[in-house]
PDB file of all heavy atoms in Angstrom:
ATOM      1  N   ARG A   1       0.864  -1.192   0.000  1.00  0.00           N
ATOM      2  CA  ARG A   1       0.000   0.000   0.000  1.00  0.00           C
ATOM      3  C   ARG A   1       0.891   1.230   0.000  1.00  0.00           C
ATOM      4  O   ARG A   1       1.231   1.770   1.045  1.00  0.00           O
ATOM      5  CB  ARG A   1      -0.910  -0.006   1.220  1.00  0.00           C
ATOM      6  CG  ARG A   1      -1.876  -1.188   1.205  1.00  0.00           C
ATOM      7  CD  ARG A   1      -3.000  -1.010   2.185  1.00  0.00           C
ATOM      8  NE  ARG A   1      -3.739   0.202   1.837  1.00  0.00           N
ATOM      9  CZ  ARG A   1      -4.319   0.999   2.720  1.00  0.00           C
ATOM     10  NH1 ARG A   1      -4.240   0.750   3.991  1.00  0.00           N
ATOM     11  NH2 ARG A   1      -4.984   2.069   2.325  1.00  0.00           N
ATOM     12  N   LEU A   2       1.283   1.661  -1.186  1.00  0.00           N
ATOM     13  CA  LEU A   2       2.230   2.764  -1.317  1.00  0.00           C
ATOM     14  C   LEU A   2       1.525   4.096  -1.528  1.00  0.00           C
ATOM     15  O   LEU A   2       0.549   4.189  -2.263  1.00  0.00           O
ATOM     16  CB  LEU A   2       3.176   2.521  -2.495  1.00  0.00           C
ATOM     17  CG  LEU A   2       4.087   1.306  -2.384  1.00  0.00           C
ATOM     18  CD1 LEU A   2       4.785   1.057  -3.700  1.00  0.00           C
ATOM     19  CD2 LEU A   2       5.089   1.495  -1.273  1.00  0.00           C
ATOM     20  N   ASN A   3       2.062   5.120  -0.892  1.00  0.00           N
ATOM     21  CA  ASN A   3       1.680   6.487  -1.159  1.00  0.00           C
ATOM     22  C   ASN A   3       2.348   6.874  -2.481  1.00  0.00           C
ATOM     23  O   ASN A   3       3.418   6.344  -2.805  1.00  0.00           O
ATOM     24  CB  ASN A   3       2.175   7.376  -0.009  1.00  0.00           C
ATOM     25  CG  ASN A   3       1.753   8.811  -0.153  1.00  0.00           C
ATOM     26  OD1 ASN A   3       2.347   9.567  -0.921  1.00  0.00           O
ATOM     27  ND2 ASN A   3       0.741   9.199   0.597  1.00  0.00           N
ATOM     28  N   PRO A   4       1.799   7.771  -3.275  1.00  0.00           N
ATOM     29  CA  PRO A   4       2.452   8.163  -4.527  1.00  0.00           C
ATOM     30  C   PRO A   4       3.877   8.699  -4.350  1.00  0.00           C
ATOM     31  O   PRO A   4       4.679   8.649  -5.277  1.00  0.00           O
ATOM     32  CB  PRO A   4       1.534   9.245  -5.086  1.00  0.00           C
ATOM     33  CG  PRO A   4       0.201   8.974  -4.487  1.00  0.00           C
ATOM     34  CD  PRO A   4       0.475   8.393  -3.133  1.00  0.00           C
ATOM     35  N   LEU A   5       4.213   9.179  -3.162  1.00  0.00           N
ATOM     36  CA  LEU A   5       5.558   9.710  -2.914  1.00  0.00           C
ATOM     37  C   LEU A   5       6.549   8.642  -2.457  1.00  0.00           C
ATOM     38  O   LEU A   5       7.736   8.913  -2.334  1.00  0.00           O
ATOM     39  CB  LEU A   5       5.491  10.817  -1.856  1.00  0.00           C
ATOM     40  CG  LEU A   5       4.587  12.001  -2.183  1.00  0.00           C
ATOM     41  CD1 LEU A   5       4.511  12.951  -0.999  1.00  0.00           C
ATOM     42  CD2 LEU A   5       5.092  12.720  -3.419  1.00  0.00           C
ATOM     43  N   ASP A   6       6.084   7.411  -2.186  1.00  0.00           N
ATOM     44  CA  ASP A   6       6.945   6.341  -1.688  1.00  0.00           C
ATOM     45  C   ASP A   6       7.716   5.655  -2.804  1.00  0.00           C
ATOM     46  O   ASP A   6       7.257   5.564  -3.936  1.00  0.00           O
ATOM     47  CB  ASP A   6       6.118   5.283  -0.947  1.00  0.00           C
ATOM     48  CG  ASP A   6       5.648   5.741   0.418  1.00  0.00           C
ATOM     49  OD1 ASP A   6       6.295   6.620   1.008  1.00  0.00           O
ATOM     50  OD2 ASP A   6       4.628   5.195   0.886  1.00  0.00           O
ATOM     51  N   THR A   7       8.894   5.110  -2.439  1.00  0.00           N
ATOM     52  CA  THR A   7       9.698   4.279  -3.331  1.00  0.00           C
ATOM     53  C   THR A   7       9.531   2.837  -2.873  1.00  0.00           C
ATOM     54  O   THR A   7       9.807   2.533  -1.707  1.00  0.00           O
ATOM     55  CB  THR A   7      11.183   4.674  -3.253  1.00  0.00           C
ATOM     56  OG1 THR A   7      11.310   6.053  -3.582  1.00  0.00           O
ATOM     57  CG2 THR A   7      12.032   3.831  -4.182  1.00  0.00           C
ATOM     58  N   PRO A   8       9.075   1.922  -3.745  1.00  0.00           N
ATOM     59  CA  PRO A   8       8.849   0.540  -3.305  1.00  0.00           C
ATOM     60  C   PRO A   8      10.155  -0.205  -3.040  1.00  0.00           C
ATOM     61  O   PRO A   8      11.191   0.087  -3.635  1.00  0.00           O
ATOM     62  CB  PRO A   8       8.093  -0.092  -4.476  1.00  0.00           C
ATOM     63  CG  PRO A   8       8.453   0.739  -5.655  1.00  0.00           C
ATOM     64  CD  PRO A   8       8.729   2.124  -5.142  1.00  0.00           C
ATOM     65  N   THR A   9      10.104  -1.153  -2.114  1.00  0.00           N
ATOM     66  CA  THR A   9      11.237  -2.039  -1.832  1.00  0.00           C
ATOM     67  C   THR A   9      10.699  -3.463  -1.732  1.00  0.00           C
ATOM     68  O   THR A   9       9.517  -3.667  -1.488  1.00  0.00           O
ATOM     69  CB  THR A   9      11.932  -1.676  -0.500  1.00  0.00           C
ATOM     70  OG1 THR A   9      10.988  -1.757   0.555  1.00  0.00           O
ATOM     71  CG2 THR A   9      12.524  -0.274  -0.554  1.00  0.00           C
ATOM     72  N   GLY A  10      11.572  -4.439  -1.911  1.00  0.00           N
ATOM     73  CA  GLY A  10      11.155  -5.833  -1.865  1.00  0.00           C
ATOM     74  C   GLY A  10      11.189  -6.409  -0.460  1.00  0.00           C
ATOM     75  O   GLY A  10      11.715  -5.800   0.477  1.00  0.00           O
ATOM     76  N   ALA A  11      10.646  -7.609  -0.302  1.00  0.00           N
ATOM     77  CA  ALA A  11      10.690  -8.334   0.968  1.00  0.00           C
ATOM     78  C   ALA A  11      12.092  -8.902   1.173  1.00  0.00           C
ATOM     79  O   ALA A  11      12.823  -9.149   0.212  1.00  0.00           O
ATOM     80  CB  ALA A  11       9.665  -9.454   0.952  1.00  0.00           C
ATOM     81  N   TYR A  12      12.466  -9.102   2.425  1.00  0.00           N
ATOM     82  CA  TYR A  12      13.773  -9.689   2.729  1.00  0.00           C
ATOM     83  C   TYR A  12      13.749 -10.300   4.126  1.00  0.00           C
ATOM     84  O   TYR A  12      12.892  -9.986   4.947  1.00  0.00           O
ATOM     85  CB  TYR A  12      14.900  -8.651   2.624  1.00  0.00           C
ATOM     86  CG  TYR A  12      14.730  -7.460   3.537  1.00  0.00           C
ATOM     87  CD1 TYR A  12      15.311  -7.438   4.799  1.00  0.00           C
ATOM     88  CD2 TYR A  12      13.988  -6.359   3.139  1.00  0.00           C
ATOM     89  CE1 TYR A  12      15.156  -6.350   5.634  1.00  0.00           C
ATOM     90  CE2 TYR A  12      13.834  -5.260   3.961  1.00  0.00           C
ATOM     91  CZ  TYR A  12      14.425  -5.268   5.208  1.00  0.00           C
ATOM     92  OH  TYR A  12      14.259  -4.176   6.038  1.00  0.00           O
ATOM     93  N   SER A  13      14.709 -11.207   4.363  1.00  0.00           N
ATOM     94  CA  SER A  13      14.858 -11.855   5.670  1.00  0.00           C
ATOM     95  C   SER A  13      16.304 -11.728   6.122  1.00  0.00           C
ATOM     96  O   SER A  13      17.225 -11.801   5.301  1.00  0.00           O
ATOM     97  CB  SER A  13      14.496 -13.333   5.593  1.00  0.00           C
ATOM     98  OG  SER A  13      13.134 -13.480   5.274  1.00  0.00           O
ATOM     99  N   LEU A  14      16.494 -11.553   7.426  1.00  0.00           N
ATOM    100  CA  LEU A  14      17.828 -11.422   8.011  1.00  0.00           C
ATOM    101  C   LEU A  14      17.996 -12.452   9.122  1.00  0.00           C
ATOM    102  O   LEU A  14      17.057 -12.736   9.862  1.00  0.00           O
ATOM    103  CB  LEU A  14      18.029 -10.024   8.596  1.00  0.00           C
ATOM    104  CG  LEU A  14      17.838  -8.845   7.646  1.00  0.00           C
ATOM    105  CD1 LEU A  14      17.944  -7.533   8.409  1.00  0.00           C
ATOM    106  CD2 LEU A  14      18.833  -8.891   6.518  1.00  0.00           C
ATOM    107  N   VAL A  15      19.213 -12.994   9.248  1.00  0.00           N
ATOM    108  CA  VAL A  15      19.547 -13.936  10.316  1.00  0.00           C
ATOM    109  C   VAL A  15      20.592 -13.272  11.203  1.00  0.00           C
ATOM    110  O   VAL A  15      21.594 -12.744  10.706  1.00  0.00           O
ATOM    111  CB  VAL A  15      20.101 -15.256   9.741  1.00  0.00           C
ATOM    112  CG1 VAL A  15      20.556 -16.179  10.861  1.00  0.00           C
ATOM    113  CG2 VAL A  15      19.061 -15.932   8.870  1.00  0.00           C
ATOM    114  N   ASN A  16      20.349 -13.284  12.519  1.00  0.00           N
ATOM    115  CA  ASN A  16      21.260 -12.684  13.485  1.00  0.00           C
ATOM    116  C   ASN A  16      21.657 -13.733  14.526  1.00  0.00           C
ATOM    117  O   ASN A  16      20.840 -14.560  14.927  1.00  0.00           O
ATOM    118  CB  ASN A  16      20.590 -11.504  14.197  1.00  0.00           C
ATOM    119  CG  ASN A  16      20.064 -10.478  13.222  1.00  0.00           C
ATOM    120  OD1 ASN A  16      20.716 -10.115  12.264  1.00  0.00           O
ATOM    121  ND2 ASN A  16      18.857 -10.009  13.455  1.00  0.00           N
ATOM    122  N   LEU A  17      22.919 -13.703  14.968  1.00  0.00           N
ATOM    123  CA  LEU A  17      23.433 -14.629  15.977  1.00  0.00           C
ATOM    124  C   LEU A  17      24.072 -13.839  17.108  1.00  0.00           C
ATOM    125  O   LEU A  17      24.611 -12.751  16.873  1.00  0.00           O
ATOM    126  CB  LEU A  17      24.489 -15.557  15.378  1.00  0.00           C
ATOM    127  CG  LEU A  17      24.092 -16.391  14.170  1.00  0.00           C
ATOM    128  CD1 LEU A  17      25.314 -17.122  13.617  1.00  0.00           C
ATOM    129  CD2 LEU A  17      23.012 -17.382  14.548  1.00  0.00           C
ATOM    130  N   ASP A  18      24.032 -14.375  18.315  1.00  0.00           N
ATOM    131  CA  ASP A  18      24.771 -13.747  19.415  1.00  0.00           C
ATOM    132  C   ASP A  18      25.214 -14.803  20.408  1.00  0.00           C
ATOM    133  O   ASP A  18      24.594 -15.862  20.529  1.00  0.00           O
ATOM    134  CB  ASP A  18      23.933 -12.659  20.102  1.00  0.00           C
ATOM    135  CG  ASP A  18      22.801 -13.206  20.920  1.00  0.00           C
ATOM    136  OD1 ASP A  18      21.803 -13.664  20.344  1.00  0.00           O
ATOM    137  OD2 ASP A  18      22.917 -13.175  22.153  1.00  0.00           O
ATOM    138  N   ALA A  19      26.328 -14.518  21.101  1.00  0.00           N
ATOM    139  CA  ALA A  19      26.862 -15.423  22.113  1.00  0.00           C
ATOM    140  C   ALA A  19      27.639 -14.594  23.120  1.00  0.00           C
ATOM    141  O   ALA A  19      28.146 -13.514  22.796  1.00  0.00           O
ATOM    142  CB  ALA A  19      27.774 -16.470  21.475  1.00  0.00           C
ATOM    143  N   GLY A  20      27.736 -15.092  24.338  1.00  0.00           N
ATOM    144  CA  GLY A  20      28.484 -14.366  25.352  1.00  0.00           C
ATOM    145  C   GLY A  20      28.811 -15.226  26.551  1.00  0.00           C
ATOM    146  O   GLY A  20      28.163 -16.247  26.809  1.00  0.00           O
ATOM    147  N   ILE A  21      29.850 -14.802  27.273  1.00  0.00           N
ATOM    148  CA  ILE A  21      30.242 -15.448  28.518  1.00  0.00           C
ATOM    149  C   ILE A  21      30.549 -14.354  29.537  1.00  0.00           C
ATOM    150  O   ILE A  21      30.801 -13.199  29.179  1.00  0.00           O
ATOM    151  CB  ILE A  21      31.471 -16.379  28.344  1.00  0.00           C
ATOM    152  CG1 ILE A  21      32.677 -15.600  27.806  1.00  0.00           C
ATOM    153  CG2 ILE A  21      31.153 -17.559  27.457  1.00  0.00           C
ATOM    154  CD1 ILE A  21      33.961 -16.410  27.778  1.00  0.00           C
ATOM    155  N   GLU A  22      30.524 -14.726  30.809  1.00  0.00           N
ATOM    156  CA  GLU A  22      30.850 -13.798  31.894  1.00  0.00           C
ATOM    157  C   GLU A  22      31.811 -14.480  32.859  1.00  0.00           C
ATOM    158  O   GLU A  22      31.451 -14.832  33.987  1.00  0.00           O
ATOM    159  CB  GLU A  22      29.589 -13.345  32.627  1.00  0.00           C
ATOM    160  CG  GLU A  22      28.676 -12.486  31.809  1.00  0.00           C
ATOM    161  CD  GLU A  22      27.449 -12.040  32.590  1.00  0.00           C
ATOM    162  OE1 GLU A  22      27.342 -12.339  33.809  1.00  0.00           O
ATOM    163  OE2 GLU A  22      26.593 -11.398  31.977  1.00  0.00           O
ATOM    164  N   PRO A  23      33.095 -14.665  32.482  1.00  0.00           N
ATOM    165  CA  PRO A  23      34.056 -15.300  33.385  1.00  0.00           C
ATOM    166  C   PRO A  23      34.522 -14.311  34.460  1.00  0.00           C
ATOM    167  O   PRO A  23      34.343 -13.107  34.329  1.00  0.00           O
ATOM    168  CB  PRO A  23      35.211 -15.671  32.451  1.00  0.00           C
ATOM    169  CG  PRO A  23      35.164 -14.625  31.394  1.00  0.00           C
ATOM    170  CD  PRO A  23      33.692 -14.325  31.195  1.00  0.00           C
ATOM    171  N   VAL A  24      35.126 -14.860  35.505  1.00  0.00           N
ATOM    172  CA  VAL A  24      35.729 -14.027  36.548  1.00  0.00           C
ATOM    173  C   VAL A  24      37.227 -13.981  36.284  1.00  0.00           C
ATOM    174  O   VAL A  24      37.896 -15.011  36.259  1.00  0.00           O
ATOM    175  CB  VAL A  24      35.437 -14.595  37.954  1.00  0.00           C
ATOM    176  CG1 VAL A  24      36.148 -13.780  39.012  1.00  0.00           C
ATOM    177  CG2 VAL A  24      33.938 -14.630  38.202  1.00  0.00           C
ATOM    178  N   LEU A  25      37.751 -12.784  36.021  1.00  0.00           N
ATOM    179  CA  LEU A  25      39.177 -12.581  35.770  1.00  0.00           C
ATOM    180  C   LEU A  25      39.715 -11.589  36.785  1.00  0.00           C
ATOM    181  O   LEU A  25      39.180 -10.491  36.935  1.00  0.00           O
ATOM    182  CB  LEU A  25      39.415 -12.045  34.356  1.00  0.00           C
ATOM    183  CG  LEU A  25      38.983 -12.941  33.193  1.00  0.00           C
ATOM    184  CD1 LEU A  25      39.133 -12.214  31.872  1.00  0.00           C
ATOM    185  CD2 LEU A  25      39.809 -14.215  33.186  1.00  0.00           C
ATOM    186  N   PHE A  26      40.779 -11.990  37.493  1.00  0.00           N
ATOM    187  CA  PHE A  26      41.420 -11.126  38.486  1.00  0.00           C
ATOM    188  C   PHE A  26      40.425 -10.607  39.515  1.00  0.00           C
ATOM    189  O   PHE A  26      40.480  -9.458  39.939  1.00  0.00           O
ATOM    190  CB  PHE A  26      42.141  -9.953  37.802  1.00  0.00           C
ATOM    191  CG  PHE A  26      43.083 -10.383  36.721  1.00  0.00           C
ATOM    192  CD1 PHE A  26      42.816 -10.098  35.398  1.00  0.00           C
ATOM    193  CD2 PHE A  26      44.228 -11.103  37.032  1.00  0.00           C
ATOM    194  CE1 PHE A  26      43.671 -10.491  34.403  1.00  0.00           C
ATOM    195  CE2 PHE A  26      45.099 -11.498  36.029  1.00  0.00           C
ATOM    196  CZ  PHE A  26      44.821 -11.198  34.720  1.00  0.00           C
ATOM    197  N   GLY A  27      39.476 -11.449  39.894  1.00  0.00           N
ATOM    198  CA  GLY A  27      38.501 -11.089  40.910  1.00  0.00           C
ATOM    199  C   GLY A  27      37.335 -10.250  40.428  1.00  0.00           C
ATOM    200  O   GLY A  27      36.503  -9.837  41.221  1.00  0.00           O
ATOM    201  N   HIS A  28      37.261  -9.978  39.138  1.00  0.00           N
ATOM    202  CA  HIS A  28      36.168  -9.175  38.578  1.00  0.00           C
ATOM    203  C   HIS A  28      35.438  -9.983  37.514  1.00  0.00           C
ATOM    204  O   HIS A  28      36.067 -10.687  36.724  1.00  0.00           O
ATOM    205  CB  HIS A  28      36.698  -7.879  37.948  1.00  0.00           C
ATOM    206  CG  HIS A  28      37.366  -6.982  38.915  1.00  0.00           C
ATOM    207  ND1 HIS A  28      36.681  -6.170  39.777  1.00  0.00           N
ATOM    208  CD2 HIS A  28      38.683  -6.763  39.174  1.00  0.00           C
ATOM    209  CE1 HIS A  28      37.527  -5.491  40.516  1.00  0.00           C
ATOM    210  NE2 HIS A  28      38.760  -5.839  40.165  1.00  0.00           N
ATOM    211  N   ARG A  29      34.127  -9.837  37.487  1.00  0.00           N
ATOM    212  CA  ARG A  29      33.346 -10.513  36.445  1.00  0.00           C
ATOM    213  C   ARG A  29      33.379  -9.646  35.188  1.00  0.00           C
ATOM    214  O   ARG A  29      33.110  -8.447  35.222  1.00  0.00           O
ATOM    215  CB  ARG A  29      31.914 -10.735  36.907  1.00  0.00           C
ATOM    216  CG  ARG A  29      31.198 -11.762  36.086  1.00  0.00           C
ATOM    217  CD  ARG A  29      29.995 -12.356  36.772  1.00  0.00           C
ATOM    218  NE  ARG A  29      29.228 -11.406  37.540  1.00  0.00           N
ATOM    219  CZ  ARG A  29      27.919 -11.227  37.414  1.00  0.00           C
ATOM    220  NH1 ARG A  29      27.242 -11.960  36.564  1.00  0.00           N
ATOM    221  NH2 ARG A  29      27.296 -10.360  38.150  1.00  0.00           N
ATOM    222  N   ILE A  30      33.729 -10.268  34.065  1.00  0.00           N
ATOM    223  CA  ILE A  30      33.864  -9.579  32.778  1.00  0.00           C
ATOM    224  C   ILE A  30      32.837 -10.165  31.808  1.00  0.00           C
ATOM    225  O   ILE A  30      32.703 -11.382  31.707  1.00  0.00           O
ATOM    226  CB  ILE A  30      35.281  -9.785  32.176  1.00  0.00           C
ATOM    227  CG1 ILE A  30      36.360  -9.395  33.172  1.00  0.00           C
ATOM    228  CG2 ILE A  30      35.435  -9.034  30.866  1.00  0.00           C
ATOM    229  CD1 ILE A  30      36.397  -7.934  33.523  1.00  0.00           C
ATOM    230  N   GLY A  31      32.135  -9.313  31.079  1.00  0.00           N
ATOM    231  CA  GLY A  31      31.203  -9.775  30.055  1.00  0.00           C
ATOM    232  C   GLY A  31      31.846  -9.689  28.684  1.00  0.00           C
ATOM    233  O   GLY A  31      32.383  -8.642  28.310  1.00  0.00           O
ATOM    234  N   ILE A  32      31.838 -10.774  27.957  1.00  0.00           N
ATOM    235  CA  ILE A  32      32.370 -10.816  26.592  1.00  0.00           C
ATOM    236  C   ILE A  32      31.235 -11.291  25.694  1.00  0.00           C
ATOM    237  O   ILE A  32      30.777 -12.425  25.807  1.00  0.00           O
ATOM    238  CB  ILE A  32      33.571 -11.772  26.473  1.00  0.00           C
ATOM    239  CG1 ILE A  32      34.656 -11.367  27.473  1.00  0.00           C
ATOM    240  CG2 ILE A  32      34.104 -11.782  25.046  1.00  0.00           C
ATOM    241  CD1 ILE A  32      35.756 -12.405  27.640  1.00  0.00           C
ATOM    242  N   ASP A  33      30.758 -10.405  24.827  1.00  0.00           N
ATOM    243  CA  ASP A  33      29.631 -10.716  23.946  1.00  0.00           C
ATOM    244  C   ASP A  33      30.017 -10.491  22.492  1.00  0.00           C
ATOM    245  O   ASP A  33      30.689  -9.503  22.164  1.00  0.00           O
ATOM    246  CB  ASP A  33      28.432  -9.828  24.267  1.00  0.00           C
ATOM    247  CG  ASP A  33      27.853 -10.131  25.631  1.00  0.00           C
ATOM    248  OD1 ASP A  33      27.271 -11.215  25.777  1.00  0.00           O
ATOM    249  OD2 ASP A  33      28.001  -9.293  26.539  1.00  0.00           O
ATOM    250  N   VAL A  34      29.573 -11.394  21.620  1.00  0.00           N
ATOM    251  CA  VAL A  34      29.763 -11.261  20.180  1.00  0.00           C
ATOM    252  C   VAL A  34      28.387 -11.342  19.530  1.00  0.00           C
ATOM    253  O   VAL A  34      27.616 -12.259  19.815  1.00  0.00           O
ATOM    254  CB  VAL A  34      30.677 -12.363  19.612  1.00  0.00           C
ATOM    255  CG1 VAL A  34      30.784 -12.258  18.104  1.00  0.00           C
ATOM    256  CG2 VAL A  34      32.043 -12.312  20.252  1.00  0.00           C
ATOM    257  N   THR A  35      28.082 -10.368  18.675  1.00  0.00           N
ATOM    258  CA  THR A  35      26.818 -10.347  17.949  1.00  0.00           C
ATOM    259  C   THR A  35      27.122 -10.250  16.464  1.00  0.00           C
ATOM    260  O   THR A  35      27.946  -9.434  16.055  1.00  0.00           O
ATOM    261  CB  THR A  35      25.960  -9.138  18.383  1.00  0.00           C
ATOM    262  OG1 THR A  35      25.761  -9.201  19.789  1.00  0.00           O
ATOM    263  CG2 THR A  35      24.620  -9.136  17.676  1.00  0.00           C
ATOM    264  N   ALA A  36      26.489 -11.070  15.664  1.00  0.00           N
ATOM    265  CA  ALA A  36      26.636 -11.019  14.201  1.00  0.00           C
ATOM    266  C   ALA A  36      25.258 -10.720  13.612  1.00  0.00           C
ATOM    267  O   ALA A  36      24.327 -11.510  13.772  1.00  0.00           O
ATOM    268  CB  ALA A  36      27.180 -12.330  13.673  1.00  0.00           C
ATOM    269  N   LEU A  37      25.144  -9.574  12.968  1.00  0.00           N
ATOM    270  CA  LEU A  37      23.892  -9.162  12.338  1.00  0.00           C
ATOM    271  C   LEU A  37      23.966  -9.431  10.843  1.00  0.00           C
ATOM    272  O   LEU A  37      25.027  -9.248  10.233  1.00  0.00           O
ATOM    273  CB  LEU A  37      23.639  -7.681  12.593  1.00  0.00           C
ATOM    274  CG  LEU A  37      23.622  -7.241  14.060  1.00  0.00           C
ATOM    275  CD1 LEU A  37      23.529  -5.732  14.162  1.00  0.00           C
ATOM    276  CD2 LEU A  37      22.483  -7.908  14.787  1.00  0.00           C
ATOM    277  N   ASN A  38      22.870  -9.831  10.248  1.00  0.00           N
ATOM    278  CA  ASN A  38      22.802 -10.123   8.811  1.00  0.00           C
ATOM    279  C   ASN A  38      23.894 -11.124   8.418  1.00  0.00           C
ATOM    280  O   ASN A  38      24.705 -10.875   7.536  1.00  0.00           O
ATOM    281  CB  ASN A  38      22.897  -8.832   7.988  1.00  0.00           C
ATOM    282  CG  ASN A  38      22.585  -9.041   6.531  1.00  0.00           C
ATOM    283  OD1 ASN A  38      22.149 -10.108   6.114  1.00  0.00           O
ATOM    284  ND2 ASN A  38      22.810  -8.009   5.745  1.00  0.00           N
ATOM    285  N   VAL A  39      23.905 -12.251   9.091  1.00  0.00           N
ATOM    286  CA  VAL A  39      24.938 -13.278   8.899  1.00  0.00           C
ATOM    287  C   VAL A  39      25.052 -13.714   7.440  1.00  0.00           C
ATOM    288  O   VAL A  39      26.150 -13.953   6.943  1.00  0.00           O
ATOM    289  CB  VAL A  39      24.658 -14.500   9.813  1.00  0.00           C
ATOM    290  CG1 VAL A  39      25.606 -15.636   9.519  1.00  0.00           C
ATOM    291  CG2 VAL A  39      24.739 -14.087  11.259  1.00  0.00           C
ATOM    292  N   GLY A  40      23.956 -13.798   6.736  1.00  0.00           N
ATOM    293  CA  GLY A  40      23.969 -14.230   5.339  1.00  0.00           C
ATOM    294  C   GLY A  40      24.393 -13.148   4.366  1.00  0.00           C
ATOM    295  O   GLY A  40      24.421 -13.370   3.159  1.00  0.00           O
ATOM    296  N   ASP A  41      24.742 -11.963   4.861  1.00  0.00           N
ATOM    297  CA  ASP A  41      25.161 -10.827   4.027  1.00  0.00           C
ATOM    298  C   ASP A  41      24.125 -10.522   2.944  1.00  0.00           C
ATOM    299  O   ASP A  41      24.443 -10.315   1.783  1.00  0.00           O
ATOM    300  CB  ASP A  41      26.534 -11.084   3.424  1.00  0.00           C
ATOM    301  CG  ASP A  41      27.230  -9.789   3.022  1.00  0.00           C
ATOM    302  OD1 ASP A  41      26.840  -8.713   3.519  1.00  0.00           O
ATOM    303  OD2 ASP A  41      28.150  -9.845   2.181  1.00  0.00           O
ATOM    304  N   THR A  42      22.863 -10.519   3.338  1.00  0.00           N
ATOM    305  CA  THR A  42      21.748 -10.263   2.428  1.00  0.00           C
ATOM    306  C   THR A  42      21.761  -8.820   1.948  1.00  0.00           C
ATOM    307  O   THR A  42      21.916  -7.906   2.750  1.00  0.00           O
ATOM    308  CB  THR A  42      20.410 -10.540   3.157  1.00  0.00           C
ATOM    309  OG1 THR A  42      20.422 -11.890   3.619  1.00  0.00           O
ATOM    310  CG2 THR A  42      19.218 -10.298   2.259  1.00  0.00           C
TER     311      THR A  42
END
């Protein structure tokens, strides 16, 4: 349902992944997180 001023775009799907750990190093808890967005490079 486009307005006359709109530019149409197609449908698409994205896959995202994330992982993390919280080890204790030198008496302090450290958060290490990795996130990958658009893994398939769509």
